Amino acid sequence: MAGQQDQSPHYAIAGRQSIVETPDVRVTLMTLAPGEATPWHSHSAITDTAFRLDGEVEVQAREPEEAIRLLPGEPCRMEPGRAHRVVNAGQTHCRFLLVQGVGPYDFLKV
């Protein structure tokens, strides 16, 4: 998948708190304000797994097009190479736990 590689995402969101970061695994608590979304991106080696904590969290993906509204505590897994983003689909802040691994982290802008 064509894209520009970046080792750490340089995009503004309401909140980002690192819980764990090793060479092979990253766990981050993410907060999105109403209307916010992560940029479209993919990863070459790692899998993203997002767990909804509160608010309205939607994971959007391409190839095939898909929009997945998460229930509280529900995970959504995005395999390496698949373009995706996480969107706040509600009117209040949302929070989700993002688990990334296993392997070296990259962020390929789509």
N, C-alpha and C. Protein backbone atom coordinates (compact mmCIF):
# COMPACT_ATOMS: atom_id res chain seq x y z
N MET A 1 0.85 -1.16 0.00
CA MET A 1 0.00 0.00 0.00
C MET A 1 0.90 1.23 0.00
N ALA A 2 0.64 2.15 -0.89
CA ALA A 2 1.46 3.35 -0.98
C ALA A 2 1.17 4.26 0.20
N GLY A 3 2.21 4.88 0.70
CA GLY A 3 2.01 5.80 1.81
C GLY A 3 3.34 6.33 2.30
N GLN A 4 3.27 7.33 3.13
CA GLN A 4 4.46 7.93 3.71
C GLN A 4 4.67 7.36 5.09
N GLN A 5 5.85 6.81 5.35
CA GLN A 5 6.14 6.17 6.64
C GLN A 5 6.50 7.22 7.69
N ASP A 6 5.97 7.04 8.89
CA ASP A 6 6.25 7.91 10.02
C ASP A 6 6.33 7.02 11.25
N GLN A 7 7.34 7.20 12.09
CA GLN A 7 7.51 6.34 13.25
C GLN A 7 6.63 6.73 14.43
N SER A 8 6.11 7.96 14.48
CA SER A 8 5.17 8.32 15.53
C SER A 8 4.15 9.28 14.92
N PRO A 9 2.90 9.05 15.17
CA PRO A 9 1.88 9.88 14.52
C PRO A 9 1.93 11.32 15.01
N HIS A 10 2.02 12.23 14.07
CA HIS A 10 2.06 13.65 14.37
C HIS A 10 0.74 14.28 13.96
N TYR A 11 -0.31 13.91 14.64
CA TYR A 11 -1.62 14.50 14.39
C TYR A 11 -2.24 14.85 15.73
N ALA A 12 -3.03 15.89 15.73
CA ALA A 12 -3.63 16.38 16.97
C ALA A 12 -4.96 15.70 17.24
N ILE A 13 -5.11 15.19 18.45
CA ILE A 13 -6.40 14.68 18.92
C ILE A 13 -6.57 15.18 20.35
N ALA A 14 -7.75 14.98 20.92
CA ALA A 14 -8.05 15.49 22.26
C ALA A 14 -7.12 14.93 23.32
N GLY A 15 -6.72 13.66 23.19
CA GLY A 15 -5.83 13.09 24.20
C GLY A 15 -5.17 11.81 23.74
N ARG A 16 -3.94 11.62 24.21
CA ARG A 16 -3.17 10.40 23.90
C ARG A 16 -2.28 10.14 25.10
N GLN A 17 -2.45 8.97 25.75
CA GLN A 17 -1.65 8.61 26.91
C GLN A 17 -1.02 7.25 26.68
N SER A 18 0.29 7.19 26.67
CA SER A 18 1.00 5.94 26.48
C SER A 18 0.91 5.11 27.76
N ILE A 19 0.48 3.86 27.63
CA ILE A 19 0.40 2.94 28.75
C ILE A 19 1.62 2.03 28.75
N VAL A 20 1.95 1.47 27.59
CA VAL A 20 3.10 0.58 27.42
C VAL A 20 3.70 0.85 26.05
N GLU A 21 5.04 0.89 26.00
CA GLU A 21 5.70 0.99 24.70
C GLU A 21 7.01 0.21 24.75
N THR A 22 7.07 -0.86 23.95
CA THR A 22 8.26 -1.68 23.81
C THR A 22 8.59 -1.71 22.31
N PRO A 23 9.70 -2.31 21.92
CA PRO A 23 10.00 -2.40 20.49
C PRO A 23 8.94 -3.17 19.69
N ASP A 24 8.15 -4.03 20.35
CA ASP A 24 7.19 -4.87 19.64
C ASP A 24 5.72 -4.63 19.97
N VAL A 25 5.42 -3.87 21.04
CA VAL A 25 4.04 -3.68 21.48
C VAL A 25 3.86 -2.24 21.96
N ARG A 26 2.72 -1.66 21.61
CA ARG A 26 2.34 -0.33 22.10
C ARG A 26 0.90 -0.40 22.58
N VAL A 27 0.62 0.21 23.72
CA VAL A 27 -0.74 0.32 24.25
C VAL A 27 -0.96 1.79 24.58
N THR A 28 -2.00 2.38 24.01
CA THR A 28 -2.25 3.81 24.17
C THR A 28 -3.73 4.06 24.46
N LEU A 29 -3.99 4.93 25.42
CA LEU A 29 -5.35 5.40 25.69
C LEU A 29 -5.57 6.63 24.82
N MET A 30 -6.56 6.56 23.94
CA MET A 30 -6.83 7.63 22.98
C MET A 30 -8.18 8.28 23.30
N THR A 31 -8.23 9.61 23.18
CA THR A 31 -9.46 10.37 23.37
C THR A 31 -9.69 11.22 22.12
N LEU A 32 -10.90 11.13 21.57
CA LEU A 32 -11.28 11.94 20.42
C LEU A 32 -12.43 12.86 20.81
N ALA A 33 -12.31 14.12 20.45
CA ALA A 33 -13.40 15.08 20.65
C ALA A 33 -14.48 14.84 19.60
N PRO A 34 -15.68 15.36 19.81
CA PRO A 34 -16.72 15.22 18.79
C PRO A 34 -16.21 15.70 17.42
N GLY A 35 -16.43 14.90 16.40
CA GLY A 35 -15.99 15.23 15.05
C GLY A 35 -14.55 14.87 14.73
N GLU A 36 -13.76 14.46 15.73
CA GLU A 36 -12.36 14.11 15.48
C GLU A 36 -12.24 12.68 14.95
N ALA A 37 -11.14 12.46 14.23
CA ALA A 37 -10.80 11.13 13.72
C ALA A 37 -9.29 11.05 13.58
N THR A 38 -8.75 9.85 13.68
CA THR A 38 -7.35 9.66 13.34
C THR A 38 -7.25 9.74 11.82
N PRO A 39 -6.09 10.08 11.28
CA PRO A 39 -5.95 10.10 9.82
C PRO A 39 -6.04 8.69 9.25
N TRP A 40 -6.41 8.60 7.97
CA TRP A 40 -6.37 7.31 7.29
C TRP A 40 -4.91 6.84 7.28
N HIS A 41 -4.70 5.59 7.65
CA HIS A 41 -3.35 5.04 7.70
C HIS A 41 -3.39 3.52 7.67
N SER A 42 -2.22 2.93 7.56
CA SER A 42 -2.07 1.48 7.71
C SER A 42 -0.73 1.22 8.39
N HIS A 43 -0.45 -0.04 8.63
CA HIS A 43 0.81 -0.45 9.23
C HIS A 43 1.35 -1.61 8.41
N SER A 44 2.66 -1.69 8.28
CA SER A 44 3.22 -2.76 7.44
C SER A 44 3.32 -4.09 8.16
N ALA A 45 3.49 -4.08 9.49
CA ALA A 45 3.71 -5.35 10.19
C ALA A 45 2.78 -5.57 11.37
N ILE A 46 2.31 -4.51 12.01
CA ILE A 46 1.54 -4.69 13.25
C ILE A 46 0.03 -4.70 12.99
N THR A 47 -0.66 -5.28 13.94
CA THR A 47 -2.12 -5.29 13.96
C THR A 47 -2.58 -4.26 14.98
N ASP A 48 -3.58 -3.45 14.60
CA ASP A 48 -4.23 -2.52 15.53
C ASP A 48 -5.46 -3.19 16.10
N THR A 49 -5.61 -3.16 17.41
CA THR A 49 -6.84 -3.63 18.04
C THR A 49 -7.33 -2.50 18.94
N ALA A 50 -8.53 -1.97 18.62
CA ALA A 50 -9.13 -0.88 19.38
C ALA A 50 -10.26 -1.44 20.24
N PHE A 51 -10.29 -1.04 21.51
CA PHE A 51 -11.33 -1.45 22.45
C PHE A 51 -12.08 -0.19 22.89
N ARG A 52 -13.38 -0.13 22.62
CA ARG A 52 -14.17 1.03 23.03
C ARG A 52 -14.29 1.06 24.55
N LEU A 53 -14.00 2.23 25.14
CA LEU A 53 -14.18 2.42 26.57
C LEU A 53 -15.45 3.21 26.85
N ASP A 54 -15.58 4.39 26.23
CA ASP A 54 -16.81 5.17 26.38
C ASP A 54 -16.99 6.10 25.19
N GLY A 55 -18.19 6.64 25.07
CA GLY A 55 -18.52 7.45 23.91
C GLY A 55 -18.87 6.57 22.72
N GLU A 56 -18.97 7.18 21.55
CA GLU A 56 -19.34 6.47 20.32
C GLU A 56 -18.10 6.33 19.44
N VAL A 57 -17.59 5.11 19.33
CA VAL A 57 -16.36 4.84 18.57
C VAL A 57 -16.71 4.04 17.32
N GLU A 58 -16.24 4.53 16.17
CA GLU A 58 -16.43 3.83 14.91
C GLU A 58 -15.08 3.64 14.24
N VAL A 59 -14.80 2.41 13.80
CA VAL A 59 -13.59 2.12 13.05
C VAL A 59 -14.00 1.99 11.59
N GLN A 60 -13.37 2.78 10.73
CA GLN A 60 -13.65 2.75 9.30
C GLN A 60 -12.46 2.13 8.60
N ALA A 61 -12.73 1.30 7.58
CA ALA A 61 -11.68 0.60 6.86
C ALA A 61 -11.97 0.62 5.37
N ARG A 62 -10.94 0.38 4.60
CA ARG A 62 -11.04 0.31 3.14
C ARG A 62 -10.61 -1.07 2.66
N GLU A 63 -11.08 -1.39 1.47
CA GLU A 63 -10.71 -2.63 0.77
C GLU A 63 -10.92 -3.87 1.60
N PRO A 64 -12.15 -4.25 1.89
CA PRO A 64 -13.39 -3.59 1.45
C PRO A 64 -13.80 -2.45 2.39
N GLU A 65 -14.66 -1.56 1.86
CA GLU A 65 -15.20 -0.46 2.67
C GLU A 65 -16.00 -1.05 3.82
N GLU A 66 -15.77 -0.52 5.02
CA GLU A 66 -16.45 -1.05 6.19
C GLU A 66 -16.48 0.03 7.27
N ALA A 67 -17.57 0.11 8.02
CA ALA A 67 -17.69 1.00 9.17
C ALA A 67 -18.21 0.16 10.32
N ILE A 68 -17.44 0.06 11.39
CA ILE A 68 -17.77 -0.82 12.51
C ILE A 68 -17.99 0.04 13.75
N ARG A 69 -19.23 0.09 14.23
CA ARG A 69 -19.55 0.80 15.48
C ARG A 69 -19.31 -0.17 16.62
N LEU A 70 -18.44 0.23 17.55
CA LEU A 70 -18.09 -0.66 18.65
C LEU A 70 -19.04 -0.49 19.82
N LEU A 71 -19.36 -1.60 20.46
CA LEU A 71 -20.10 -1.60 21.71
C LEU A 71 -19.09 -1.40 22.84
N PRO A 72 -19.53 -0.98 24.03
CA PRO A 72 -18.59 -0.80 25.14
C PRO A 72 -17.79 -2.09 25.40
N GLY A 73 -16.46 -1.95 25.43
CA GLY A 73 -15.58 -3.09 25.67
C GLY A 73 -15.30 -3.94 24.45
N GLU A 74 -16.01 -3.70 23.37
CA GLU A 74 -15.85 -4.52 22.16
C GLU A 74 -14.57 -4.17 21.43
N PRO A 75 -13.82 -5.20 20.96
CA PRO A 75 -12.61 -4.93 20.19
C PRO A 75 -12.88 -4.91 18.69
N CYS A 76 -12.01 -4.23 17.98
CA CYS A 76 -12.01 -4.26 16.52
C CYS A 76 -10.56 -4.40 16.08
N ARG A 77 -10.29 -5.40 15.26
CA ARG A 77 -8.93 -5.73 14.86
C ARG A 77 -8.71 -5.35 13.39
N MET A 78 -7.63 -4.60 13.12
CA MET A 78 -7.24 -4.24 11.76
C MET A 78 -5.88 -4.86 11.47
N GLU A 79 -5.87 -5.71 10.46
CA GLU A 79 -4.65 -6.43 10.10
C GLU A 79 -3.66 -5.51 9.37
N PRO A 80 -2.38 -5.86 9.37
CA PRO A 80 -1.38 -5.06 8.65
C PRO A 80 -1.77 -4.87 7.18
N GLY A 81 -1.49 -3.67 6.67
CA GLY A 81 -1.73 -3.38 5.26
C GLY A 81 -3.11 -2.84 4.94
N ARG A 82 -4.06 -2.94 5.86
CA ARG A 82 -5.42 -2.47 5.59
C ARG A 82 -5.58 -1.03 6.07
N ALA A 83 -5.96 -0.13 5.17
CA ALA A 83 -6.16 1.28 5.52
C ALA A 83 -7.36 1.41 6.44
N HIS A 84 -7.18 2.24 7.50
CA HIS A 84 -8.25 2.41 8.48
C HIS A 84 -8.08 3.72 9.22
N ARG A 85 -9.11 4.10 9.94
CA ARG A 85 -9.08 5.23 10.86
C ARG A 85 -10.13 5.01 11.93
N VAL A 86 -9.99 5.72 13.05
CA VAL A 86 -10.96 5.66 14.14
C VAL A 86 -11.64 7.02 14.22
N VAL A 87 -12.97 7.00 14.32
CA VAL A 87 -13.78 8.21 14.27
C VAL A 87 -14.63 8.32 15.53
N ASN A 88 -14.74 9.53 16.07
CA ASN A 88 -15.71 9.79 17.13
C ASN A 88 -17.05 9.99 16.43
N ALA A 89 -17.96 9.06 16.61
CA ALA A 89 -19.25 9.09 15.91
C ALA A 89 -20.35 9.70 16.78
N GLY A 90 -19.99 10.32 17.90
CA GLY A 90 -20.99 10.86 18.81
C GLY A 90 -20.85 12.35 19.03
N GLN A 91 -21.62 12.83 19.99
CA GLN A 91 -21.66 14.26 20.31
C GLN A 91 -20.83 14.62 21.54
N THR A 92 -20.20 13.63 22.17
CA THR A 92 -19.35 13.86 23.33
C THR A 92 -18.00 13.19 23.08
N HIS A 93 -17.01 13.47 23.92
CA HIS A 93 -15.71 12.83 23.78
C HIS A 93 -15.87 11.31 23.84
N CYS A 94 -15.01 10.60 23.12
CA CYS A 94 -14.97 9.15 23.22
C CYS A 94 -13.55 8.73 23.57
N ARG A 95 -13.44 7.56 24.20
CA ARG A 95 -12.15 7.01 24.57
C ARG A 95 -12.07 5.56 24.12
N PHE A 96 -10.88 5.18 23.64
CA PHE A 96 -10.65 3.78 23.29
C PHE A 96 -9.22 3.42 23.62
N LEU A 97 -9.02 2.15 23.91
CA LEU A 97 -7.69 1.62 24.19
C LEU A 97 -7.18 1.02 22.90
N LEU A 98 -6.00 1.44 22.48
CA LEU A 98 -5.41 0.95 21.24
C LEU A 98 -4.21 0.07 21.57
N VAL A 99 -4.28 -1.21 21.16
CA VAL A 99 -3.20 -2.17 21.35
C VAL A 99 -2.59 -2.45 19.98
N GLN A 100 -1.28 -2.24 19.85
CA GLN A 100 -0.60 -2.39 18.57
C GLN A 100 0.56 -3.36 18.72
N GLY A 101 0.60 -4.35 17.84
CA GLY A 101 1.69 -5.32 17.85
C GLY A 101 1.28 -6.58 17.12
N VAL A 102 2.03 -7.53 17.11
CA VAL A 102 3.37 -7.66 17.64
C VAL A 102 4.33 -7.41 16.48
N GLY A 103 5.30 -6.51 16.70
CA GLY A 103 6.29 -6.20 15.68
C GLY A 103 6.67 -4.74 15.73
N PRO A 104 7.56 -4.33 14.83
CA PRO A 104 8.01 -2.94 14.82
C PRO A 104 6.89 -2.00 14.37
N TYR A 105 6.76 -0.87 15.06
CA TYR A 105 5.72 0.11 14.79
C TYR A 105 6.07 0.96 13.57
N ASP A 106 5.09 1.21 12.72
CA ASP A 106 5.18 2.23 11.70
C ASP A 106 3.78 2.81 11.49
N PHE A 107 3.70 3.97 10.86
CA PHE A 107 2.44 4.67 10.61
C PHE A 107 2.50 5.15 9.17
N LEU A 108 1.78 4.47 8.28
CA LEU A 108 1.81 4.78 6.87
C LEU A 108 0.59 5.60 6.50
N LYS A 109 0.79 6.90 6.24
CA LYS A 109 -0.33 7.77 5.86
C LYS A 109 -0.88 7.33 4.52
N VAL A 110 -2.20 7.31 4.42
CA VAL A 110 -2.86 6.89 3.17
C VAL A 110 -3.44 8.11 2.50
